[in-house]
Protein backbone atom coordinates (compact mmCIF):
# COMPACT_ATOMS: atom_id res chain seq x y z
CA MET A 1 126.46 155.47 44.46
CA GLU A 2 129.25 153.04 45.10
CA ILE A 3 129.25 153.94 48.80
CA ALA A 4 125.54 153.20 49.04
CA TYR A 5 126.07 149.90 47.28
CA ILE A 6 128.92 149.01 49.68
CA LEU A 7 126.86 150.00 52.73
CA GLY A 8 123.93 147.95 51.47
CA THR A 9 126.19 144.96 50.97
CA ILE A 10 127.66 145.34 54.49
CA LEU A 11 124.23 145.71 56.08
CA SER A 12 122.93 142.71 54.18
CA GLY A 13 125.90 140.62 55.37
CA ALA A 14 125.41 141.82 58.96
CA ALA A 15 121.74 140.91 58.80
CA ALA A 16 122.64 137.45 57.54
CA VAL A 17 125.15 137.02 60.38
CA LEU A 18 122.59 138.13 62.98
CA ALA A 19 120.01 135.75 61.54
CA TRP A 20 122.53 132.92 61.70
CA LEU A 21 123.41 133.75 65.34
CA ALA A 22 119.72 133.92 66.26
CA LYS A 23 119.15 130.53 64.66
CA ILE A 24 122.01 129.01 66.71
CA TYR A 25 120.68 130.59 69.95
CA TRP A 26 117.14 129.34 69.46
CA SER A 27 118.45 125.90 68.48
CA LYS A 28 120.24 125.66 71.83
CA GLU A 29 117.11 126.80 73.66
CA TYR A 30 115.07 124.18 71.82
CA ILE A 31 117.57 121.44 72.67
CA SER A 32 117.61 122.49 76.34
CA ALA A 33 113.81 122.51 76.50
CA LYS A 34 113.70 119.12 74.79
CA ASP A 35 116.15 117.70 77.38
CA GLU A 36 113.97 118.99 80.22
CA ILE A 37 110.90 117.38 78.66
CA ILE A 38 112.77 114.08 78.31
CA LYS A 39 113.85 114.23 81.98
CA ALA A 40 110.26 114.89 83.06
CA LYS A 41 109.02 111.96 80.99
CA GLU A 42 111.69 109.69 82.47
CA ALA A 43 110.62 110.72 85.99
CA GLN A 44 107.01 109.91 85.10
CA ILE A 45 108.08 106.54 83.72
CA GLU A 46 109.94 105.70 86.97
CA GLN A 47 106.91 106.71 89.00
CA LEU A 48 104.65 104.52 86.87
CA LYS A 49 107.07 101.62 87.26
CA SER A 50 106.94 102.05 91.05
CA GLN A 51 103.13 102.04 90.96
CA VAL A 52 103.07 98.94 88.77
CA GLN A 53 105.39 97.13 91.19
CA HIS A 54 103.17 98.17 94.10
CA TYR A 55 100.10 96.71 92.41
CA LYS A 56 102.02 93.53 91.58
CA ASP A 57 102.87 93.09 95.28
CA LEU A 58 99.22 93.66 96.26
CA THR A 59 98.24 89.98 96.43
CA PRO A 60 94.82 88.73 97.65
CA MET A 61 96.49 87.39 100.81
CA LYS A 62 97.95 90.81 101.66
CA ILE A 63 94.61 92.49 101.01
CA ARG A 64 92.87 90.00 103.30
CA GLU A 65 95.51 90.49 106.01
CA TYR A 66 95.01 94.26 105.80
CA PHE A 67 91.23 94.00 106.17
CA GLU A 68 91.50 91.50 109.03
CA SER A 69 93.97 93.79 110.81
CA MET A 70 91.64 96.78 110.40
CA LYS A 71 88.71 94.72 111.66
CA GLU A 72 90.67 93.63 114.74
CA GLN A 73 91.64 97.23 115.50
CA LEU A 74 88.02 98.35 115.17
CA GLU A 75 86.87 95.60 117.51
CA GLU A 76 89.52 96.55 120.09
CA TYR A 77 88.53 100.21 119.87
CA ASN A 78 84.88 99.21 120.18
CA ASP A 79 85.61 97.22 123.35
CA SER A 80 87.57 100.16 124.77
CA LEU A 81 84.70 102.58 124.15
CA GLN A 82 82.23 100.11 125.64
CA ARG A 83 84.30 99.83 128.82
CA LYS A 84 84.60 103.62 129.08
CA LEU A 85 80.87 103.97 128.56
CA GLU A 86 80.05 101.45 131.27
CA ASN A 87 82.52 103.06 133.66
CA THR A 88 81.10 106.52 132.98
CA LYS A 89 77.55 105.28 133.48
CA ASP A 90 78.57 103.77 136.83
CA GLN A 91 80.07 107.07 137.90
CA LEU A 92 76.95 108.92 136.75
CA GLU A 93 74.74 106.61 138.75
CA LYS A 94 76.87 107.16 141.85
CA LYS A 95 76.66 110.93 141.38
CA ASN A 96 72.88 110.67 141.02
CA GLU A 97 72.70 108.77 144.30
CA GLU A 98 74.88 111.36 146.01
CA LEU A 99 72.75 114.13 144.54
CA LYS A 100 69.56 112.57 145.91
CA LYS A 101 71.09 112.38 149.36
CA LEU A 102 72.39 115.94 149.24
CA GLU A 103 69.05 117.28 148.03
CA GLN A 104 67.63 116.24 151.39
CA TYR A 105 69.98 118.54 153.22
CA ASP A 106 69.30 122.20 153.93
CA GLN A 107 70.61 125.21 152.00
CA GLU A 108 74.05 125.00 153.68
CA LYS A 109 74.91 122.22 151.24
CA ALA A 110 73.80 124.19 148.19
CA SER A 111 77.34 124.81 146.95
CA THR A 112 78.17 121.12 147.22
CA ILE A 113 75.01 120.23 145.32
CA ALA A 114 75.89 122.72 142.61
CA ASN A 115 79.35 121.17 142.19
CA ILE A 116 77.90 117.70 141.94
CA LYS A 117 75.35 118.90 139.39
CA ASP A 118 78.17 120.36 137.32
CA GLU A 119 80.01 117.04 137.51
CA LYS A 120 76.79 115.27 136.57
CA GLU A 121 76.34 117.47 133.50
CA LYS A 122 79.93 116.84 132.45
CA LEU A 123 79.47 113.11 132.89
CA GLU A 124 76.24 113.22 130.91
CA GLU A 125 78.08 115.02 128.11
CA GLN A 126 80.81 112.37 128.23
CA VAL A 127 78.17 109.63 128.09
CA SER A 128 76.55 111.30 125.09
CA GLU A 129 79.89 111.69 123.30
CA LEU A 130 80.87 108.09 124.04
CA GLU A 131 77.51 106.81 122.85
CA THR A 132 77.88 108.85 119.65
CA ASP A 133 81.40 107.51 119.09
CA LEU A 134 80.19 103.97 119.79
CA GLU A 135 77.32 104.35 117.31
CA LYS A 136 79.70 105.70 114.66
CA LEU A 137 82.04 102.78 115.31
CA ARG A 138 79.17 100.31 114.93
CA ILE A 139 78.21 101.92 111.62
CA ASN A 140 81.82 101.78 110.43
CA GLU A 141 82.07 98.15 111.52
CA GLU A 142 78.90 97.29 109.59
CA GLU A 143 80.27 99.05 106.52
CA PHE A 144 83.56 97.25 106.98
CA ASN A 145 81.84 93.87 107.20
CA THR A 146 79.97 94.60 103.96
CA ILE A 147 83.16 95.33 102.07
CA LYS A 148 83.76 92.66 99.49
CA ILE A 149 87.32 91.83 98.66
CA PRO A 150 87.63 92.11 94.88
CA LYS A 151 88.32 88.94 93.01
CA ILE A 152 91.76 88.98 91.55
CA ASP A 153 92.94 86.68 88.84
CA THR A 154 95.63 84.62 90.52
CA SER A 155 96.70 82.76 87.41
CA ALA A 156 99.64 85.15 87.12
CA PHE A 157 100.93 83.92 90.47
CA ALA A 158 100.81 80.21 89.60
CA ASN A 159 104.52 79.80 88.85
CA ALA A 160 105.51 81.88 91.87
CA ALA A 161 103.22 79.83 94.11
CA LYS A 162 104.77 76.61 92.81
CA VAL A 163 108.29 77.83 93.61
CA ILE A 164 107.19 79.05 97.06
CA ASN A 165 105.48 75.73 97.86
CA GLU A 166 108.58 73.76 96.88
CA SER A 167 110.76 76.03 99.02
CA MET A 168 108.34 75.79 101.98
CA ASN A 169 108.17 72.00 101.71
CA GLU A 170 111.94 71.76 101.78
CA SER A 171 112.18 74.16 104.73
CA LEU A 172 109.38 72.39 106.62
CA GLY A 173 111.12 69.07 106.07
CA ARG A 174 114.28 70.35 107.70
CA GLN A 175 112.32 71.89 110.58
CA LEU A 176 110.34 68.69 111.18
CA ALA A 177 113.57 66.73 111.36
CA GLN A 178 114.97 69.20 113.89
CA ILE A 179 111.76 69.15 115.96
CA SER A 180 111.78 65.37 115.92
CA ASN A 181 115.34 65.37 117.29
CA SER A 182 114.33 67.84 120.00
CA MET A 183 111.36 65.65 121.01
CA GLU A 184 113.57 62.56 121.21
CA TYR A 185 115.97 64.46 123.42
CA LEU A 186 113.15 65.58 125.73
CA LYS A 187 112.03 61.93 126.02
CA GLY A 188 115.51 60.91 127.18
CA ILE A 189 116.56 59.47 123.80
CA THR A 190 119.86 60.60 122.34
CA PRO A 191 118.79 62.23 119.07
CA LYS A 192 120.47 61.71 115.74
CA LEU A 193 121.89 65.18 115.30
CA PRO A 194 122.56 66.33 111.72
CA LEU A 195 126.11 67.31 112.68
CA GLU A 196 129.32 65.99 111.19
CA THR A 197 131.71 65.60 114.15
CA ASP A 198 131.41 64.22 117.67
CA GLU A 199 132.62 67.55 118.99
CA GLU A 200 129.68 69.37 117.36
CA LYS A 201 127.21 66.78 118.69
CA LYS A 202 128.69 67.07 122.19
CA MET A 203 128.31 70.86 122.16
CA ALA A 204 124.73 70.66 120.87
CA LEU A 205 123.73 68.10 123.54
CA TRP A 206 125.29 70.25 126.27
CA PHE A 207 123.34 73.26 125.09
CA LEU A 208 120.02 71.38 124.80
CA ASN A 209 120.52 70.02 128.31
CA LYS A 210 120.87 73.57 129.69
CA PHE A 211 118.49 75.60 127.51
CA GLU A 212 115.07 75.20 125.90
CA ASP A 213 112.71 76.90 123.47
CA PRO A 214 110.77 79.69 125.28
CA ALA A 215 107.56 78.20 123.87
CA ASN A 216 107.95 75.35 126.37
CA SER A 217 107.89 77.42 129.57
CA VAL A 218 107.59 81.19 129.00
CA PRO A 219 104.15 82.88 129.12
CA TYR A 220 103.14 84.58 125.88
CA GLU A 221 101.06 87.78 125.91
CA SER A 222 100.41 89.35 122.49
CA LYS A 223 99.20 92.62 124.05
CA GLU A 224 102.40 92.84 126.11
CA GLY A 225 104.69 92.29 123.13
CA GLY A 226 105.12 88.50 123.09
CA TYR A 227 107.04 86.23 125.45
CA GLN A 228 107.30 87.57 129.01
CA TYR A 229 111.04 87.19 129.60
CA LYS A 230 112.79 88.03 132.83
CA GLY A 231 116.32 88.99 133.77
CA ASN A 232 118.87 88.51 130.98
CA GLU A 233 116.50 86.44 128.84
CA PRO A 234 116.34 85.54 126.06
CA TYR A 235 119.76 83.95 125.42
CA ASN A 236 121.56 83.72 122.09
CA ALA A 237 123.02 80.33 121.13
CA ARG A 238 126.13 81.85 119.52
CA GLU A 239 126.98 83.96 122.56
CA VAL A 240 126.45 81.09 125.01
CA LEU A 241 128.54 78.60 123.00
CA SER A 242 131.33 81.12 122.30
CA GLU A 243 131.61 81.86 126.02
CA LYS A 244 131.47 78.20 127.10
CA PHE A 245 133.75 76.73 124.39
CA GLN A 246 136.36 79.44 123.96
CA ASP A 247 139.04 77.02 122.71
CA VAL A 248 136.84 75.56 119.95
CA ASP A 249 137.24 76.76 116.37
CA GLN A 250 134.63 79.35 115.37
CA GLU A 251 133.56 77.33 112.32
CA VAL A 252 132.61 74.42 114.58
CA ILE A 253 130.59 76.78 116.79
CA GLU A 254 128.84 78.28 113.74
CA SER A 255 127.85 74.79 112.55
CA VAL A 256 126.22 74.04 115.92
CA VAL A 257 124.57 77.49 115.98
CA ASP A 258 123.03 76.88 112.56
CA TYR A 259 121.50 73.63 113.84
CA LEU A 260 120.19 75.22 117.07
CA GLU A 261 118.75 78.28 115.32
CA GLY A 262 116.80 75.90 113.12
CA ILE A 263 114.94 74.96 116.32
CA SER A 264 114.65 78.42 117.86
CA LEU A 265 116.32 81.83 117.56
CA GLU A 266 115.78 82.57 121.27
CA TRP A 267 116.44 80.38 124.33
CA VAL A 268 115.82 80.32 128.08
CA LYS A 269 117.40 78.28 130.83
CA LYS A 270 115.59 75.12 131.87
CA ASP A 271 116.02 75.98 135.55
CA ARG A 272 114.74 79.55 135.17
CA PHE A 273 112.23 79.14 138.05
CA GLN A 274 114.72 77.61 140.49
């Protein structure tokens, strides 16, 4: 009887220990699962923050620029298809003329006629495909032109616009002063350079006497990538001044470079065509 009582007590204690261990195990599992859920929620929060920032940056000006860019690309593609269509039609007409001439010959030219007919069929298929593509493009262009840019409340950008306008006015003021100095120099008048020392002014005048803004003399082709430079052009003001005035302190050169880069970041020689 006592043995049974002892065994029952031992088994009861063991059961209690096992229950306690199971509780600890499942508590750890719960904590681990909770941590994973928290990590997933944090990742979702970061993703939502990124999306919110993207929508904040999506200003009406950027939306308009995007649509104008797409419209320009569609127009260019339309022109390209139109040129291909006209060229293909010209070729088809030539083949038709050749076919009419060859049809007057006897059966010895049958193989040649067959080849030209095959070419004609291929060209007709190309014309059909190009016309289909052109029609689709016209439909897309009409749909594009009917797209209305949604009205966006710009009141939230009022403070930012004010700061940007003030910054632009200050920057434009400096640029206008620099352009005015450049124009005086081109007219033969010694400009009032915003430089502190005579040495800096001397270096700037030497440079402006040798180099000019590419906008003054270099052809500009947007389809070809911009200004059509040749040789070692364009030149960098810092490199030119550092090579010419090797004994001058670098801080003096940097001061002159800052002034010149306010006029243009790229330069060409004035005697580039000589």
